[in-house]
Amino acid sequence: MFEVSESAVTAARDIRVLFGRLRRRLRDVTTADDLSPAQTAVLLRLLKNGPASASELAGAERVRPQSMATILTGLDRHGLIQRAPDPDDGRRMTVSLTAAGRTHAESDRQVRNVWLEQAMEDRFTERERQVINEALGLLDRLNEK
């Protein structure tokens, strides 16, 4: 086991907690509809990453394949997704957004962006926003390999 400073332990814990809370808060900021947070997350994932199989979506969303099947059934019922044979493997199906699904996902993403931009404007001074941007630049190093 390697030793880490107390400040690293505290920062790691606080970042996890903060990002988890922010993710849940952003999940609550949606367009007024009857989609579940899980359904909304799948729509946004398909918007961002393009078509995927149900098993790929289940893995990305960290849910069981049976749970993903239920999520996709609900989205299909709303006319937000379509399924088609995978061009590389005809035995499996790929899921993609319909035009209505794309519009819904883009609208949802826009609502979240507007909320976050307004919250940043309302709750922080210009100097604090600069500090946040500098800290985000530092935190981005966590993505380096």
Protein backbone atom coordinates (compact mmCIF):
# COMPACT_ATOMS: atom_id res chain seq x y z
CA MET A 1 0.00 0.00 0.00
CA PHE A 2 1.26 3.45 -0.81
CA GLU A 3 1.00 6.51 1.40
CA VAL A 4 -0.98 9.57 0.40
CA SER A 5 -1.32 12.86 2.17
CA GLU A 6 -4.37 13.68 4.23
CA SER A 7 -5.10 16.55 1.85
CA ALA A 8 -5.23 14.11 -1.09
CA VAL A 9 -7.61 11.83 0.82
CA THR A 10 -9.84 14.77 1.75
CA ALA A 11 -9.81 16.24 -1.78
CA ALA A 12 -10.63 12.88 -3.36
CA ARG A 13 -13.54 12.30 -0.98
CA ASP A 14 -14.90 15.82 -1.34
CA ILE A 15 -14.68 15.75 -5.15
CA ARG A 16 -16.58 12.45 -5.31
CA VAL A 17 -19.28 13.75 -2.98
CA LEU A 18 -19.58 17.11 -4.74
CA PHE A 19 -19.73 15.64 -8.25
CA GLY A 20 -22.28 13.05 -7.13
CA ARG A 21 -24.51 15.79 -5.67
CA LEU A 22 -24.09 17.96 -8.77
CA ARG A 23 -24.92 15.02 -11.04
CA ARG A 24 -28.09 14.34 -9.03
CA ARG A 25 -29.02 18.03 -9.08
CA LEU A 26 -28.57 18.21 -12.85
CA ARG A 27 -30.67 15.06 -13.19
CA ASP A 28 -33.48 16.91 -11.38
CA VAL A 29 -33.27 19.81 -13.84
CA THR A 30 -35.15 18.43 -16.82
CA THR A 31 -37.87 19.34 -19.20
CA ALA A 32 -41.33 18.67 -17.83
CA ASP A 33 -42.17 15.14 -18.97
CA ASP A 34 -42.76 11.67 -17.65
CA LEU A 35 -39.34 10.18 -18.38
CA SER A 36 -37.35 8.67 -15.54
CA PRO A 37 -33.83 9.89 -14.79
CA ALA A 38 -32.51 6.60 -16.21
CA GLN A 39 -34.43 7.09 -19.46
CA THR A 40 -33.17 10.66 -19.74
CA ALA A 41 -29.60 9.47 -19.14
CA VAL A 42 -29.90 6.92 -21.96
CA LEU A 43 -31.28 9.55 -24.35
CA LEU A 44 -28.40 11.88 -23.54
CA ARG A 45 -25.87 9.06 -23.94
CA LEU A 46 -27.29 8.18 -27.37
CA LEU A 47 -27.19 11.86 -28.33
CA LYS A 48 -23.56 12.14 -27.27
CA ASN A 49 -22.20 8.78 -28.44
CA GLY A 50 -24.55 7.69 -31.20
CA PRO A 51 -26.17 4.28 -31.74
CA ALA A 52 -25.32 1.47 -29.34
CA SER A 53 -26.48 -2.01 -28.44
CA ALA A 54 -28.60 -2.57 -25.34
CA SER A 55 -25.69 -4.37 -23.68
CA GLU A 56 -23.33 -1.47 -24.43
CA LEU A 57 -25.86 0.95 -22.94
CA ALA A 58 -26.31 -1.26 -19.87
CA GLY A 59 -22.55 -1.33 -19.33
CA ALA A 60 -22.17 2.40 -19.83
CA GLU A 61 -25.04 3.19 -17.47
CA ARG A 62 -23.95 0.49 -15.02
CA VAL A 63 -27.29 -1.27 -14.91
CA ARG A 64 -28.28 -4.89 -15.48
CA PRO A 65 -29.32 -5.86 -19.02
CA GLN A 66 -32.86 -6.53 -17.73
CA SER A 67 -33.06 -3.00 -16.34
CA MET A 68 -31.83 -1.57 -19.63
CA ALA A 69 -34.48 -3.56 -21.48
CA THR A 70 -37.14 -1.90 -19.30
CA ILE A 71 -35.63 1.55 -19.89
CA LEU A 72 -35.54 0.99 -23.65
CA THR A 73 -39.11 -0.31 -23.71
CA GLY A 74 -40.27 2.93 -22.07
CA LEU A 75 -38.31 5.06 -24.53
CA ASP A 76 -39.66 3.03 -27.42
CA ARG A 77 -43.22 3.53 -26.14
CA HIS A 78 -42.62 7.30 -26.24
CA GLY A 79 -41.29 7.05 -29.81
CA LEU A 80 -37.87 8.39 -28.78
CA ILE A 81 -35.70 5.49 -29.95
CA GLN A 82 -35.61 3.04 -32.80
CA ARG A 83 -33.98 -0.35 -33.08
CA ALA A 84 -32.33 -1.79 -36.15
CA PRO A 85 -30.10 -4.77 -36.91
CA ASP A 86 -26.44 -4.08 -36.23
CA PRO A 87 -24.70 -3.71 -39.61
CA ASP A 88 -21.65 -5.58 -38.26
CA ASP A 89 -23.55 -8.35 -36.47
CA GLY A 90 -27.07 -9.06 -37.68
CA ARG A 91 -27.82 -11.09 -34.54
CA ARG A 92 -27.90 -8.03 -32.34
CA MET A 93 -29.82 -4.78 -32.50
CA THR A 94 -28.57 -1.23 -32.26
CA VAL A 95 -30.54 1.49 -30.57
CA SER A 96 -30.58 5.03 -31.94
CA LEU A 97 -32.59 8.19 -31.44
CA THR A 98 -35.61 9.02 -33.54
CA ALA A 99 -36.04 12.64 -34.64
CA ALA A 100 -38.33 13.13 -31.63
CA GLY A 101 -35.73 11.51 -29.37
CA ARG A 102 -32.99 13.79 -30.68
CA THR A 103 -35.18 16.86 -30.16
CA HIS A 104 -36.07 15.75 -26.65
CA ALA A 105 -32.46 15.02 -25.68
CA GLU A 106 -31.19 18.31 -27.13
CA SER A 107 -33.93 20.21 -25.30
CA ASP A 108 -33.09 18.44 -22.04
CA ARG A 109 -29.40 19.17 -22.44
CA GLN A 110 -30.18 22.82 -23.18
CA VAL A 111 -32.37 23.14 -20.06
CA ARG A 112 -29.53 21.75 -17.92
CA ASN A 113 -26.96 24.05 -19.55
CA VAL A 114 -29.14 27.10 -18.96
CA TRP A 115 -29.73 26.12 -15.31
CA LEU A 116 -26.00 25.60 -14.68
CA GLU A 117 -24.98 28.81 -16.47
CA GLN A 118 -27.56 30.83 -14.51
CA ALA A 119 -26.55 29.19 -11.23
CA MET A 120 -22.90 30.05 -11.90
CA GLU A 121 -23.90 33.64 -12.70
CA ASP A 122 -26.16 34.02 -9.65
CA ARG A 123 -24.11 32.25 -7.00
CA PHE A 124 -20.53 33.23 -7.78
CA THR A 125 -18.65 36.45 -8.38
CA GLU A 126 -16.56 36.90 -11.51
CA ARG A 127 -13.41 36.19 -9.49
CA GLU A 128 -14.93 33.02 -8.02
CA ARG A 129 -15.88 31.82 -11.51
CA GLN A 130 -12.27 32.41 -12.59
CA VAL A 131 -11.07 30.33 -9.63
CA ILE A 132 -13.54 27.56 -10.55
CA ASN A 133 -12.27 27.57 -14.14
CA GLU A 134 -8.67 27.40 -12.94
CA ALA A 135 -9.52 24.52 -10.59
CA LEU A 136 -11.29 22.67 -13.40
CA GLY A 137 -8.15 22.99 -15.49
CA LEU A 138 -6.19 21.40 -12.67
CA LEU A 139 -8.78 18.66 -12.14
CA ASP A 140 -8.64 17.81 -15.83
CA ARG A 141 -5.21 16.32 -15.12
CA LEU A 142 -7.08 13.40 -13.52
CA ASN A 143 -7.99 12.36 -17.08
CA GLU A 144 -4.36 12.09 -18.15
CA LYS A 145 -2.88 8.61 -18.36
